[in-house]
Amino acid sequence: MAEIAVTIKVETPIHLGSGQADVTIDAEIIHDALGFPYFPAKRFKGLLYESAVEIFEMFELAGISTENLAPPEEIFHRESDDAGKVSSVQLIVHDFYFKDYEKLRAEWSYLQSKFKEFFEPTDILNAYTSIRYQTELENGVALDQLLHNMRVLNSGVEFSGTLTLLNGDARVLNTLALAIKNISAAGTKRNRGFGRINCNATGLPNVEKFLAKEAR
């Protein structure tokens, strides 16, 4: 078993949608009951899979061998051409939270329970987020009744968490190292400058050294 520590630094405002809205916010971000934003495990695992697929495509286009990499299907148990082969690899992704989250959560939980009239989950949200407004234009003129807003997590925030890997060999670790480093964006409106992130991991092979060796 291997425990891989991962950090996600938010480089530009990011919208990790919760699918919820209220009378003032059209698109809310995902957060816990106390108001702390977090990066969901399921969403990161999806990004990791997409990134691993992209790595294989880039290697193929560059004419670099992938014999020292484990295919994404082997790690993520997606459909593959080799339907008769069952992989024993298990990758468990945990939710990502702020640094010292447990301490912050305990302190804020106490304040919210002790002084309900002064401290609410929205206070935490407002401290780490901002509201962005957008509207639809026609010939450069904003259309009536089409103003929308969404909450975004401010840049500079950093999440941390772990991946648990069972039955993974060196090939799997190589793929994960490359895939994690390759992730550069997440959330809504990634094609408009939102959601730029920088991911790093400890306990994995050095990406630069691996690429230099394989590209020879």
N, C-alpha and C. Protein backbone atom coordinates (compact mmCIF):
# COMPACT_ATOMS: atom_id res chain seq x y z
N MET A 1 0.85 -1.20 0.00
CA MET A 1 0.00 0.00 0.00
C MET A 1 0.88 1.25 0.00
N ALA A 2 0.48 2.25 -0.76
CA ALA A 2 1.22 3.51 -0.82
C ALA A 2 0.26 4.67 -0.54
N GLU A 3 0.72 5.60 0.29
CA GLU A 3 -0.04 6.81 0.57
C GLU A 3 0.63 7.97 -0.16
N ILE A 4 -0.09 8.61 -1.04
CA ILE A 4 0.46 9.69 -1.86
C ILE A 4 -0.16 11.01 -1.42
N ALA A 5 0.67 11.93 -0.96
CA ALA A 5 0.18 13.24 -0.53
C ALA A 5 0.12 14.18 -1.72
N VAL A 6 -1.02 14.84 -1.89
CA VAL A 6 -1.23 15.72 -3.05
C VAL A 6 -1.67 17.10 -2.57
N THR A 7 -1.12 18.13 -3.19
CA THR A 7 -1.57 19.50 -2.92
C THR A 7 -2.13 20.09 -4.21
N ILE A 8 -3.19 20.88 -4.06
CA ILE A 8 -3.82 21.55 -5.20
C ILE A 8 -3.84 23.04 -4.89
N LYS A 9 -3.07 23.81 -5.64
CA LYS A 9 -3.05 25.26 -5.43
C LYS A 9 -3.90 25.93 -6.51
N VAL A 10 -4.82 26.77 -6.07
CA VAL A 10 -5.71 27.49 -6.98
C VAL A 10 -5.00 28.72 -7.51
N GLU A 11 -4.76 28.75 -8.83
CA GLU A 11 -4.02 29.85 -9.45
C GLU A 11 -4.93 30.98 -9.92
N THR A 12 -6.14 30.65 -10.37
CA THR A 12 -7.13 31.66 -10.75
C THR A 12 -8.46 31.27 -10.11
N PRO A 13 -9.40 32.22 -9.95
CA PRO A 13 -10.69 31.89 -9.33
C PRO A 13 -11.31 30.65 -9.95
N ILE A 14 -11.88 29.80 -9.10
CA ILE A 14 -12.39 28.51 -9.57
C ILE A 14 -13.81 28.29 -9.07
N HIS A 15 -14.62 27.71 -9.94
CA HIS A 15 -16.00 27.37 -9.56
C HIS A 15 -16.18 25.86 -9.58
N LEU A 16 -16.18 25.26 -8.39
CA LEU A 16 -16.48 23.84 -8.24
C LEU A 16 -17.95 23.75 -7.83
N GLY A 17 -18.80 23.65 -8.82
CA GLY A 17 -20.24 23.77 -8.59
C GLY A 17 -20.83 22.67 -7.72
N SER A 18 -21.77 23.07 -6.89
CA SER A 18 -22.49 22.13 -6.03
C SER A 18 -23.81 21.70 -6.66
N GLY A 19 -24.22 22.41 -7.74
CA GLY A 19 -25.51 22.13 -8.35
C GLY A 19 -26.66 22.75 -7.60
N GLN A 20 -26.34 23.62 -6.64
CA GLN A 20 -27.38 24.27 -5.84
C GLN A 20 -27.40 25.76 -6.08
N ALA A 21 -28.52 26.38 -5.71
CA ALA A 21 -28.68 27.82 -5.86
C ALA A 21 -29.66 28.31 -4.79
N ASP A 22 -29.71 29.63 -4.59
CA ASP A 22 -30.70 30.20 -3.67
C ASP A 22 -31.19 31.52 -4.25
N VAL A 23 -31.83 32.33 -3.44
CA VAL A 23 -32.44 33.56 -3.96
C VAL A 23 -31.40 34.59 -4.37
N THR A 24 -30.16 34.46 -3.88
CA THR A 24 -29.13 35.45 -4.22
C THR A 24 -28.01 34.88 -5.09
N ILE A 25 -27.75 33.57 -5.01
CA ILE A 25 -26.67 32.95 -5.76
C ILE A 25 -27.25 31.97 -6.78
N ASP A 26 -26.93 32.18 -8.06
CA ASP A 26 -27.44 31.29 -9.11
C ASP A 26 -26.65 29.98 -9.17
N ALA A 27 -25.37 30.04 -8.87
CA ALA A 27 -24.52 28.84 -8.93
C ALA A 27 -23.59 28.85 -7.72
N GLU A 28 -23.87 27.97 -6.78
CA GLU A 28 -23.10 27.89 -5.54
C GLU A 28 -21.94 26.91 -5.70
N ILE A 29 -20.87 27.10 -4.92
CA ILE A 29 -19.77 26.15 -4.94
C ILE A 29 -19.98 25.10 -3.85
N ILE A 30 -19.29 23.99 -3.98
CA ILE A 30 -19.44 22.92 -3.02
C ILE A 30 -18.70 23.27 -1.73
N HIS A 31 -19.34 23.00 -0.59
CA HIS A 31 -18.75 23.30 0.71
C HIS A 31 -19.39 22.41 1.76
N ASP A 32 -18.76 22.29 2.92
CA ASP A 32 -19.32 21.45 3.97
C ASP A 32 -20.38 22.22 4.76
N ALA A 33 -20.94 21.58 5.78
CA ALA A 33 -22.04 22.17 6.53
C ALA A 33 -21.65 23.44 7.28
N LEU A 34 -20.35 23.60 7.56
CA LEU A 34 -19.88 24.78 8.29
C LEU A 34 -19.48 25.93 7.36
N GLY A 35 -19.47 25.65 6.04
CA GLY A 35 -19.14 26.70 5.09
C GLY A 35 -17.76 26.60 4.48
N PHE A 36 -16.99 25.57 4.84
CA PHE A 36 -15.65 25.42 4.30
C PHE A 36 -15.68 24.80 2.90
N PRO A 37 -15.15 25.48 1.90
CA PRO A 37 -15.06 24.88 0.56
C PRO A 37 -14.09 23.69 0.58
N TYR A 38 -14.31 22.72 -0.29
CA TYR A 38 -13.38 21.61 -0.41
C TYR A 38 -13.38 21.11 -1.85
N PHE A 39 -12.39 20.28 -2.18
CA PHE A 39 -12.26 19.74 -3.52
C PHE A 39 -12.70 18.28 -3.47
N PRO A 40 -13.84 17.94 -4.07
CA PRO A 40 -14.39 16.58 -3.95
C PRO A 40 -13.49 15.51 -4.56
N ALA A 41 -13.40 14.37 -3.89
CA ALA A 41 -12.58 13.26 -4.35
C ALA A 41 -13.01 12.78 -5.73
N LYS A 42 -14.31 12.64 -5.94
CA LYS A 42 -14.82 12.12 -7.20
C LYS A 42 -14.42 13.02 -8.36
N ARG A 43 -14.46 14.33 -8.13
CA ARG A 43 -14.12 15.26 -9.19
C ARG A 43 -12.62 15.20 -9.52
N PHE A 44 -11.79 15.07 -8.48
CA PHE A 44 -10.36 14.99 -8.73
C PHE A 44 -10.01 13.68 -9.43
N LYS A 45 -10.67 12.59 -9.05
CA LYS A 45 -10.39 11.30 -9.68
C LYS A 45 -10.75 11.35 -11.16
N GLY A 46 -11.84 12.04 -11.49
CA GLY A 46 -12.20 12.19 -12.90
C GLY A 46 -11.16 12.98 -13.67
N LEU A 47 -10.65 14.05 -13.06
CA LEU A 47 -9.60 14.83 -13.70
C LEU A 47 -8.33 14.01 -13.87
N LEU A 48 -8.04 13.17 -12.88
CA LEU A 48 -6.84 12.34 -12.93
C LEU A 48 -6.92 11.33 -14.07
N TYR A 49 -8.09 10.76 -14.25
CA TYR A 49 -8.29 9.81 -15.35
C TYR A 49 -8.12 10.51 -16.71
N GLU A 50 -8.77 11.64 -16.88
CA GLU A 50 -8.66 12.39 -18.13
C GLU A 50 -7.21 12.76 -18.41
N SER A 51 -6.49 13.14 -17.37
CA SER A 51 -5.10 13.52 -17.53
C SER A 51 -4.24 12.33 -17.93
N ALA A 52 -4.50 11.17 -17.33
CA ALA A 52 -3.74 9.96 -17.68
C ALA A 52 -3.97 9.58 -19.14
N VAL A 53 -5.21 9.67 -19.60
CA VAL A 53 -5.51 9.40 -21.01
C VAL A 53 -4.74 10.36 -21.91
N GLU A 54 -4.70 11.63 -21.52
CA GLU A 54 -4.00 12.65 -22.30
C GLU A 54 -2.49 12.36 -22.35
N ILE A 55 -1.94 11.86 -21.24
CA ILE A 55 -0.51 11.51 -21.20
C ILE A 55 -0.20 10.46 -22.26
N PHE A 56 -1.03 9.42 -22.33
CA PHE A 56 -0.81 8.36 -23.32
C PHE A 56 -0.93 8.89 -24.75
N GLU A 57 -1.87 9.79 -24.97
CA GLU A 57 -2.02 10.38 -26.30
C GLU A 57 -0.80 11.21 -26.68
N MET A 58 -0.26 11.97 -25.72
CA MET A 58 0.91 12.80 -25.99
C MET A 58 2.14 11.93 -26.25
N PHE A 59 2.30 10.85 -25.47
CA PHE A 59 3.43 9.95 -25.69
C PHE A 59 3.36 9.32 -27.09
N GLU A 60 2.16 8.94 -27.47
CA GLU A 60 1.99 8.32 -28.79
C GLU A 60 2.34 9.30 -29.91
N LEU A 61 1.87 10.54 -29.79
CA LEU A 61 2.15 11.55 -30.81
C LEU A 61 3.63 11.89 -30.86
N ALA A 62 4.30 11.82 -29.70
CA ALA A 62 5.72 12.15 -29.64
C ALA A 62 6.62 10.96 -29.96
N GLY A 63 6.00 9.79 -30.15
CA GLY A 63 6.78 8.60 -30.46
C GLY A 63 7.56 8.06 -29.28
N ILE A 64 7.04 8.30 -28.06
CA ILE A 64 7.72 7.83 -26.85
C ILE A 64 7.04 6.55 -26.37
N SER A 65 7.83 5.57 -26.00
CA SER A 65 7.29 4.29 -25.54
C SER A 65 6.53 4.46 -24.22
N THR A 66 5.45 3.68 -24.08
CA THR A 66 4.67 3.70 -22.84
C THR A 66 4.82 2.40 -22.06
N GLU A 67 5.88 1.63 -22.37
CA GLU A 67 6.05 0.34 -21.70
C GLU A 67 6.29 0.48 -20.20
N ASN A 68 6.76 1.65 -19.76
CA ASN A 68 7.01 1.86 -18.34
C ASN A 68 5.85 2.59 -17.65
N LEU A 69 4.71 2.63 -18.34
CA LEU A 69 3.51 3.25 -17.78
C LEU A 69 2.39 2.23 -17.72
N ALA A 70 1.52 2.38 -16.74
CA ALA A 70 0.33 1.53 -16.64
C ALA A 70 -0.82 2.24 -17.35
N PRO A 71 -1.54 1.58 -18.25
CA PRO A 71 -2.67 2.21 -18.96
C PRO A 71 -3.72 2.72 -17.98
N PRO A 72 -4.41 3.80 -18.31
CA PRO A 72 -5.45 4.33 -17.43
C PRO A 72 -6.50 3.29 -17.04
N GLU A 73 -6.85 2.38 -17.99
CA GLU A 73 -7.86 1.37 -17.70
C GLU A 73 -7.43 0.44 -16.56
N GLU A 74 -6.13 0.22 -16.45
CA GLU A 74 -5.62 -0.65 -15.39
C GLU A 74 -5.74 -0.02 -14.02
N ILE A 75 -5.65 1.30 -13.98
CA ILE A 75 -5.71 2.02 -12.70
C ILE A 75 -7.14 2.39 -12.32
N PHE A 76 -7.91 2.82 -13.30
CA PHE A 76 -9.24 3.36 -13.02
C PHE A 76 -10.37 2.40 -13.35
N HIS A 77 -10.03 1.21 -13.88
CA HIS A 77 -11.00 0.17 -14.16
C HIS A 77 -12.09 0.63 -15.13
N ARG A 78 -11.66 1.39 -16.13
CA ARG A 78 -12.58 1.75 -17.21
C ARG A 78 -12.54 0.66 -18.27
N GLU A 79 -13.44 0.73 -19.24
CA GLU A 79 -13.49 -0.27 -20.31
C GLU A 79 -12.20 -0.24 -21.14
N SER A 80 -11.75 -1.39 -21.56
CA SER A 80 -10.55 -1.48 -22.39
C SER A 80 -10.75 -2.57 -23.43
N ASP A 81 -9.81 -2.65 -24.37
CA ASP A 81 -9.89 -3.67 -25.41
C ASP A 81 -9.65 -5.07 -24.83
N ASP A 82 -8.86 -5.13 -23.76
CA ASP A 82 -8.55 -6.42 -23.14
C ASP A 82 -9.58 -6.71 -22.06
N ALA A 83 -10.79 -7.07 -22.49
CA ALA A 83 -11.91 -7.25 -21.56
C ALA A 83 -11.71 -8.43 -20.62
N GLY A 84 -10.85 -9.39 -21.00
CA GLY A 84 -10.68 -10.57 -20.16
C GLY A 84 -9.71 -10.36 -19.02
N LYS A 85 -8.99 -9.25 -19.02
CA LYS A 85 -7.99 -9.00 -17.99
C LYS A 85 -8.59 -8.16 -16.87
N VAL A 86 -8.47 -8.63 -15.63
CA VAL A 86 -9.00 -7.92 -14.48
C VAL A 86 -7.83 -7.35 -13.67
N SER A 87 -7.81 -6.06 -13.48
CA SER A 87 -6.73 -5.41 -12.75
C SER A 87 -6.98 -5.48 -11.24
N SER A 88 -5.92 -5.71 -10.48
CA SER A 88 -6.02 -5.75 -9.02
C SER A 88 -5.68 -4.41 -8.39
N VAL A 89 -5.33 -3.44 -9.22
CA VAL A 89 -4.96 -2.12 -8.71
C VAL A 89 -6.19 -1.41 -8.15
N GLN A 90 -6.02 -0.80 -6.99
CA GLN A 90 -7.11 -0.02 -6.40
C GLN A 90 -6.57 1.36 -6.04
N LEU A 91 -7.23 2.38 -6.55
CA LEU A 91 -6.85 3.76 -6.24
C LEU A 91 -8.00 4.42 -5.49
N ILE A 92 -7.73 4.79 -4.26
CA ILE A 92 -8.75 5.42 -3.41
C ILE A 92 -8.38 6.89 -3.25
N VAL A 93 -9.28 7.76 -3.70
CA VAL A 93 -9.05 9.21 -3.63
C VAL A 93 -9.91 9.78 -2.51
N HIS A 94 -9.31 10.60 -1.67
CA HIS A 94 -10.03 11.22 -0.56
C HIS A 94 -10.31 12.69 -0.88
N ASP A 95 -11.32 13.27 -0.23
CA ASP A 95 -11.62 14.68 -0.43
C ASP A 95 -10.42 15.53 -0.01
N PHE A 96 -10.28 16.70 -0.66
CA PHE A 96 -9.18 17.61 -0.37
C PHE A 96 -9.71 18.81 0.41
N TYR A 97 -9.00 19.15 1.50
CA TYR A 97 -9.43 20.24 2.37
C TYR A 97 -8.31 21.25 2.59
N PHE A 98 -8.66 22.37 3.23
CA PHE A 98 -7.66 23.37 3.58
C PHE A 98 -6.64 22.78 4.55
N LYS A 99 -5.47 23.40 4.59
CA LYS A 99 -4.47 23.03 5.58
C LYS A 99 -5.03 23.30 6.98
N ASP A 100 -4.76 22.42 7.92
CA ASP A 100 -5.27 22.53 9.31
C ASP A 100 -6.80 22.54 9.34
N TYR A 101 -7.41 21.86 8.38
CA TYR A 101 -8.88 21.85 8.29
C TYR A 101 -9.54 21.35 9.57
N GLU A 102 -9.04 20.27 10.13
CA GLU A 102 -9.68 19.69 11.32
C GLU A 102 -9.68 20.68 12.48
N LYS A 103 -8.58 21.39 12.66
CA LYS A 103 -8.50 22.38 13.74
C LYS A 103 -9.45 23.53 13.47
N LEU A 104 -9.44 24.03 12.23
CA LEU A 104 -10.34 25.12 11.86
C LEU A 104 -11.80 24.72 12.02
N ARG A 105 -12.10 23.51 11.60
CA ARG A 105 -13.48 23.02 11.68
C ARG A 105 -13.95 22.92 13.12
N ALA A 106 -13.09 22.43 14.01
CA ALA A 106 -13.46 22.30 15.42
C ALA A 106 -13.70 23.67 16.05
N GLU A 107 -12.81 24.62 15.74
CA GLU A 107 -12.95 25.96 16.32
C GLU A 107 -14.19 26.66 15.79
N TRP A 108 -14.42 26.55 14.49
CA TRP A 108 -15.58 27.22 13.91
C TRP A 108 -16.88 26.55 14.33
N SER A 109 -16.86 25.25 14.49
CA SER A 109 -18.05 24.53 14.94
C SER A 109 -18.45 25.01 16.33
N TYR A 110 -17.46 25.23 17.17
CA TYR A 110 -17.74 25.73 18.53
C TYR A 110 -18.37 27.12 18.47
N LEU A 111 -17.80 28.00 17.65
CA LEU A 111 -18.32 29.36 17.56
C LEU A 111 -19.74 29.38 17.02
N GLN A 112 -20.00 28.55 16.00
CA GLN A 112 -21.35 28.52 15.43
C GLN A 112 -22.38 27.97 16.41
N SER A 113 -21.97 27.01 17.22
CA SER A 113 -22.92 26.44 18.19
C SER A 113 -23.10 27.34 19.41
N LYS A 114 -22.05 28.08 19.77
CA LYS A 114 -22.09 28.93 20.97
C LYS A 114 -22.71 30.29 20.68
N PHE A 115 -22.43 30.81 19.50
CA PHE A 115 -22.91 32.16 19.16
C PHE A 115 -23.59 32.14 17.80
N LYS A 116 -24.71 31.44 17.73
CA LYS A 116 -25.42 31.25 16.47
C LYS A 116 -25.84 32.57 15.82
N GLU A 117 -26.11 33.57 16.65
CA GLU A 117 -26.59 34.83 16.10
C GLU A 117 -25.48 35.65 15.44
N PHE A 118 -24.23 35.28 15.68
CA PHE A 118 -23.10 36.04 15.14
C PHE A 118 -22.31 35.30 14.06
N PHE A 119 -22.28 33.97 14.11
CA PHE A 119 -21.44 33.20 13.21
C PHE A 119 -22.27 32.22 12.39
N GLU A 120 -22.18 32.34 11.05
CA GLU A 120 -22.93 31.48 10.15
C GLU A 120 -21.99 30.91 9.08
N PRO A 121 -22.39 29.81 8.43
CA PRO A 121 -21.56 29.23 7.37
C PRO A 121 -21.21 30.22 6.25
N THR A 122 -22.11 31.18 5.98
CA THR A 122 -21.84 32.15 4.92
C THR A 122 -20.64 33.04 5.26
N ASP A 123 -20.34 33.20 6.56
CA ASP A 123 -19.19 34.00 6.95
C ASP A 123 -17.90 33.37 6.45
N ILE A 124 -17.81 32.05 6.54
CA ILE A 124 -16.63 31.34 6.04
C ILE A 124 -16.57 31.43 4.52
N LEU A 125 -17.69 31.19 3.88
CA LEU A 125 -17.75 31.26 2.42
C LEU A 125 -17.32 32.64 1.91
N ASN A 126 -17.81 33.68 2.55
CA ASN A 126 -17.48 35.03 2.10
C ASN A 126 -16.01 35.37 2.31
N ALA A 127 -15.37 34.71 3.26
CA ALA A 127 -13.96 34.98 3.53
C ALA A 127 -13.04 34.41 2.46
N TYR A 128 -13.48 33.34 1.80
CA TYR A 128 -12.64 32.65 0.82
C TYR A 128 -13.14 32.78 -0.63
N THR A 129 -14.29 33.41 -0.80
CA THR A 129 -14.89 33.44 -2.14
C THR A 129 -15.31 34.84 -2.55
N SER A 130 -15.72 34.96 -3.80
CA SER A 130 -16.29 36.20 -4.31
C SER A 130 -17.38 35.85 -5.31
N ILE A 131 -18.17 36.82 -5.68
CA ILE A 131 -19.28 36.60 -6.61
C ILE A 131 -18.95 37.22 -7.95
N ARG A 132 -19.10 36.44 -9.01
CA ARG A 132 -18.87 36.92 -10.37
C ARG A 132 -20.19 37.00 -11.12
N TYR A 133 -20.38 38.09 -11.85
CA TYR A 133 -21.61 38.31 -12.60
C TYR A 133 -21.35 38.17 -14.09
N GLN A 134 -22.33 37.67 -14.80
CA GLN A 134 -22.20 37.50 -16.24
C GLN A 134 -23.57 37.70 -16.89
N THR A 135 -23.55 38.16 -18.11
CA THR A 135 -24.81 38.35 -18.83
C THR A 135 -24.60 38.01 -20.30
N GLU A 136 -25.68 37.80 -20.99
CA GLU A 136 -25.61 37.50 -22.42
C GLU A 136 -25.70 38.80 -23.20
N LEU A 137 -24.82 38.92 -24.20
CA LEU A 137 -24.79 40.13 -25.02
C LEU A 137 -25.36 39.87 -26.41
N GLU A 138 -25.97 40.90 -26.96
CA GLU A 138 -26.43 40.85 -28.35
C GLU A 138 -26.03 42.16 -29.01
N ASN A 139 -25.11 42.05 -30.00
CA ASN A 139 -24.57 43.24 -30.66
C ASN A 139 -23.92 44.19 -29.64
N GLY A 140 -23.28 43.58 -28.63
CA GLY A 140 -22.57 44.38 -27.63
C GLY A 140 -23.46 44.97 -26.55
N VAL A 141 -24.75 44.63 -26.56
CA VAL A 141 -25.70 45.16 -25.58
C VAL A 141 -26.20 44.04 -24.69
N ALA A 142 -26.21 44.27 -23.38
CA ALA A 142 -26.68 43.25 -22.43
C ALA A 142 -28.18 43.05 -22.58
N LEU A 143 -28.59 41.79 -22.65
CA LEU A 143 -30.01 41.48 -22.77
C LEU A 143 -30.69 41.53 -21.41
N ASP A 144 -31.92 42.00 -21.38
CA ASP A 144 -32.68 42.10 -20.13
C ASP A 144 -32.95 40.70 -19.55
N GLN A 145 -33.00 40.63 -18.25
CA GLN A 145 -33.38 39.42 -17.53
C GLN A 145 -32.40 38.25 -17.73
N LEU A 146 -31.18 38.54 -18.21
CA LEU A 146 -30.22 37.46 -18.44
C LEU A 146 -28.92 37.66 -17.65
N LEU A 147 -29.03 38.36 -16.54
CA LEU A 147 -27.88 38.55 -15.65
C LEU A 147 -27.81 37.38 -14.67
N HIS A 148 -26.68 36.69 -14.65
CA HIS A 148 -26.49 35.56 -13.74
C HIS A 148 -25.24 35.78 -12.90
N ASN A 149 -25.20 35.09 -11.78
CA ASN A 149 -24.00 35.18 -10.95
C ASN A 149 -23.58 33.80 -10.49
N MET A 150 -22.33 33.69 -10.09
CA MET A 150 -21.84 32.43 -9.53
C MET A 150 -20.76 32.75 -8.50
N ARG A 151 -20.69 31.89 -7.51
CA ARG A 151 -19.66 32.06 -6.49
C ARG A 151 -18.40 31.34 -6.94
N VAL A 152 -17.25 31.98 -6.76
CA VAL A 152 -15.97 31.36 -7.11
C VAL A 152 -15.05 31.40 -5.91
N LEU A 153 -14.23 30.39 -5.80
CA LEU A 153 -13.20 30.34 -4.77
C LEU A 153 -12.04 31.21 -5.24
N ASN A 154 -11.55 32.07 -4.36
CA ASN A 154 -10.50 33.00 -4.74
C ASN A 154 -9.17 32.30 -5.01
N SER A 155 -8.35 32.91 -5.84
CA SER A 155 -7.03 32.35 -6.13
C SER A 155 -6.15 32.41 -4.88
N GLY A 156 -5.15 31.54 -4.85
CA GLY A 156 -4.23 31.50 -3.71
C GLY A 156 -4.56 30.45 -2.68
N VAL A 157 -5.78 29.94 -2.73
CA VAL A 157 -6.19 28.90 -1.78
C VAL A 157 -5.49 27.58 -2.12
N GLU A 158 -5.14 26.82 -1.11
CA GLU A 158 -4.46 25.54 -1.34
C GLU A 158 -5.18 24.42 -0.59
N PHE A 159 -5.44 23.34 -1.31
CA PHE A 159 -6.05 22.15 -0.73
C PHE A 159 -4.99 21.06 -0.59
N SER A 160 -5.20 20.17 0.36
CA SER A 160 -4.29 19.03 0.49
C SER A 160 -5.11 17.78 0.81
N GLY A 161 -4.58 16.64 0.40
CA GLY A 161 -5.26 15.37 0.63
C GLY A 161 -4.36 14.21 0.25
N THR A 162 -4.90 13.02 0.29
CA THR A 162 -4.10 11.83 -0.01
C THR A 162 -4.80 10.90 -0.98
N LEU A 163 -3.98 10.15 -1.71
CA LEU A 163 -4.44 9.05 -2.53
C LEU A 163 -3.90 7.78 -1.90
N THR A 164 -4.74 6.76 -1.81
CA THR A 164 -4.30 5.47 -1.29
C THR A 164 -4.24 4.49 -2.45
N LEU A 165 -3.06 3.91 -2.68
CA LEU A 165 -2.86 3.00 -3.79
C LEU A 165 -2.59 1.59 -3.28
N LEU A 166 -3.39 0.64 -3.75
CA LEU A 166 -3.23 -0.77 -3.38
C LEU A 166 -2.83 -1.57 -4.61
N ASN A 167 -1.87 -2.46 -4.45
CA ASN A 167 -1.42 -3.36 -5.52
C ASN A 167 -0.89 -2.63 -6.74
N GLY A 168 -0.27 -1.48 -6.51
CA GLY A 168 0.30 -0.72 -7.63
C GLY A 168 1.79 -0.96 -7.75
N ASP A 169 2.27 -1.11 -8.98
CA ASP A 169 3.69 -1.31 -9.21
C ASP A 169 4.32 0.00 -9.71
N ALA A 170 5.58 -0.07 -10.15
CA ALA A 170 6.30 1.11 -10.61
C ALA A 170 5.62 1.77 -11.81
N ARG A 171 5.02 0.96 -12.68
CA ARG A 171 4.34 1.50 -13.85
C ARG A 171 3.16 2.37 -13.44
N VAL A 172 2.42 1.91 -12.44
CA VAL A 172 1.27 2.67 -11.95
C VAL A 172 1.73 3.99 -11.34
N LEU A 173 2.80 3.93 -10.54
CA LEU A 173 3.32 5.15 -9.91
C LEU A 173 3.80 6.15 -10.96
N ASN A 174 4.42 5.66 -12.02
CA ASN A 174 4.88 6.55 -13.09
C ASN A 174 3.69 7.27 -13.75
N THR A 175 2.64 6.51 -14.04
CA THR A 175 1.46 7.11 -14.67
C THR A 175 0.82 8.15 -13.76
N LEU A 176 0.69 7.83 -12.48
CA LEU A 176 0.07 8.77 -11.54
C LEU A 176 0.90 10.04 -11.40
N ALA A 177 2.23 9.87 -11.36
CA ALA A 177 3.10 11.05 -11.23
C ALA A 177 2.91 12.00 -12.40
N LEU A 178 2.88 11.46 -13.61
CA LEU A 178 2.70 12.27 -14.80
C LEU A 178 1.30 12.88 -14.87
N ALA A 179 0.30 12.07 -14.53
CA ALA A 179 -1.09 12.54 -14.62
C ALA A 179 -1.37 13.66 -13.64
N ILE A 180 -0.86 13.54 -12.42
CA ILE A 180 -1.07 14.58 -11.41
C ILE A 180 -0.41 15.88 -11.85
N LYS A 181 0.81 15.79 -12.31
CA LYS A 181 1.54 16.99 -12.74
C LYS A 181 0.89 17.63 -13.95
N ASN A 182 0.23 16.84 -14.78
CA ASN A 182 -0.37 17.34 -16.02
C ASN A 182 -1.69 18.07 -15.80
N ILE A 183 -2.34 17.85 -14.66
CA ILE A 183 -3.62 18.52 -14.39
C ILE A 183 -3.38 20.02 -14.23
N SER A 184 -4.09 20.81 -14.99
CA SER A 184 -3.86 22.26 -14.95
C SER A 184 -5.13 23.10 -14.77
N ALA A 185 -6.30 22.47 -14.85
CA ALA A 185 -7.53 23.24 -14.73
C ALA A 185 -8.66 22.35 -14.22
N ALA A 186 -9.63 22.97 -13.56
CA ALA A 186 -10.78 22.24 -13.03
C ALA A 186 -11.97 23.18 -12.91
N GLY A 187 -13.15 22.62 -12.84
CA GLY A 187 -14.35 23.41 -12.60
C GLY A 187 -14.95 24.00 -13.86
N THR A 188 -15.92 24.88 -13.66
CA THR A 188 -16.68 25.50 -14.75
C THR A 188 -15.90 26.62 -15.41
N LYS A 189 -16.12 26.79 -16.71
CA LYS A 189 -15.52 27.87 -17.52
C LYS A 189 -14.00 27.78 -17.57
N ARG A 190 -13.49 26.55 -17.67
CA ARG A 190 -12.04 26.37 -17.76
C ARG A 190 -11.46 26.98 -19.03
N ASN A 191 -12.31 27.12 -20.07
CA ASN A 191 -11.83 27.69 -21.34
C ASN A 191 -11.89 29.21 -21.35
N ARG A 192 -12.24 29.80 -20.23
CA ARG A 192 -12.32 31.26 -20.13
C ARG A 192 -11.42 31.81 -19.03
N GLY A 193 -10.42 31.04 -18.67
CA GLY A 193 -9.45 31.52 -17.69
C GLY A 193 -9.74 31.16 -16.25
N PHE A 194 -10.90 30.57 -16.00
CA PHE A 194 -11.23 30.16 -14.64
C PHE A 194 -10.58 28.81 -14.33
N GLY A 195 -10.41 28.53 -13.05
CA GLY A 195 -10.06 27.19 -12.61
C GLY A 195 -8.66 26.71 -12.92
N ARG A 196 -7.70 27.60 -13.08
CA ARG A 196 -6.33 27.16 -13.28
C ARG A 196 -5.77 26.67 -11.95
N ILE A 197 -5.23 25.46 -11.93
CA ILE A 197 -4.69 24.89 -10.71
C ILE A 197 -3.31 24.30 -10.96
N ASN A 198 -2.56 24.13 -9.88
CA ASN A 198 -1.24 23.53 -9.95
C ASN A 198 -1.21 22.38 -8.95
N CYS A 199 -0.96 21.17 -9.44
CA CYS A 199 -0.99 19.98 -8.58
C CYS A 199 0.41 19.41 -8.39
N ASN A 200 0.73 19.06 -7.16
CA ASN A 200 2.01 18.43 -6.85
C ASN A 200 1.78 17.26 -5.90
N ALA A 201 2.68 16.29 -5.97
CA ALA A 201 2.55 15.09 -5.12
C ALA A 201 3.90 14.68 -4.57
N THR A 202 3.89 14.09 -3.39
CA THR A 202 5.08 13.51 -2.80
C THR A 202 4.89 11.99 -2.72
N GLY A 203 6.00 11.28 -2.77
CA GLY A 203 5.92 9.82 -2.74
C GLY A 203 5.77 9.19 -4.10
N LEU A 204 6.05 9.99 -5.16
CA LEU A 204 5.96 9.50 -6.54
C LEU A 204 7.27 9.77 -7.26
N PRO A 205 7.52 9.07 -8.38
CA PRO A 205 8.75 9.29 -9.15
C PRO A 205 8.85 10.75 -9.62
N ASN A 206 10.09 11.22 -9.79
CA ASN A 206 10.33 12.56 -10.29
C ASN A 206 9.96 12.63 -11.77
N VAL A 207 9.02 13.52 -12.08
CA VAL A 207 8.49 13.61 -13.45
C VAL A 207 9.55 14.02 -14.45
N GLU A 208 10.35 15.05 -14.11
CA GLU A 208 11.35 15.55 -15.04
C GLU A 208 12.39 14.47 -15.38
N LYS A 209 12.85 13.74 -14.37
CA LYS A 209 13.84 12.70 -14.60
C LYS A 209 13.25 11.56 -15.44
N PHE A 210 12.00 11.21 -15.17
CA PHE A 210 11.36 10.14 -15.93
C PHE A 210 11.24 10.51 -17.40
N LEU A 211 10.78 11.73 -17.67
CA LEU A 211 10.61 12.16 -19.05
C LEU A 211 11.94 12.25 -19.78
N ALA A 212 12.95 12.73 -19.08
CA ALA A 212 14.28 12.82 -19.71
C ALA A 212 14.80 11.45 -20.09
N LYS A 213 14.57 10.47 -19.24
CA LYS A 213 15.03 9.11 -19.50
C LYS A 213 14.26 8.47 -20.65
N GLU A 214 12.93 8.63 -20.66
CA GLU A 214 12.10 7.98 -21.68
C GLU A 214 12.26 8.63 -23.06
N ALA A 215 12.62 9.90 -23.08
CA ALA A 215 12.71 10.62 -24.36
C ALA A 215 14.03 10.37 -25.09
N ARG A 216 14.96 9.65 -24.47
CA ARG A 216 16.25 9.40 -25.11
C ARG A 216 16.10 8.51 -26.35
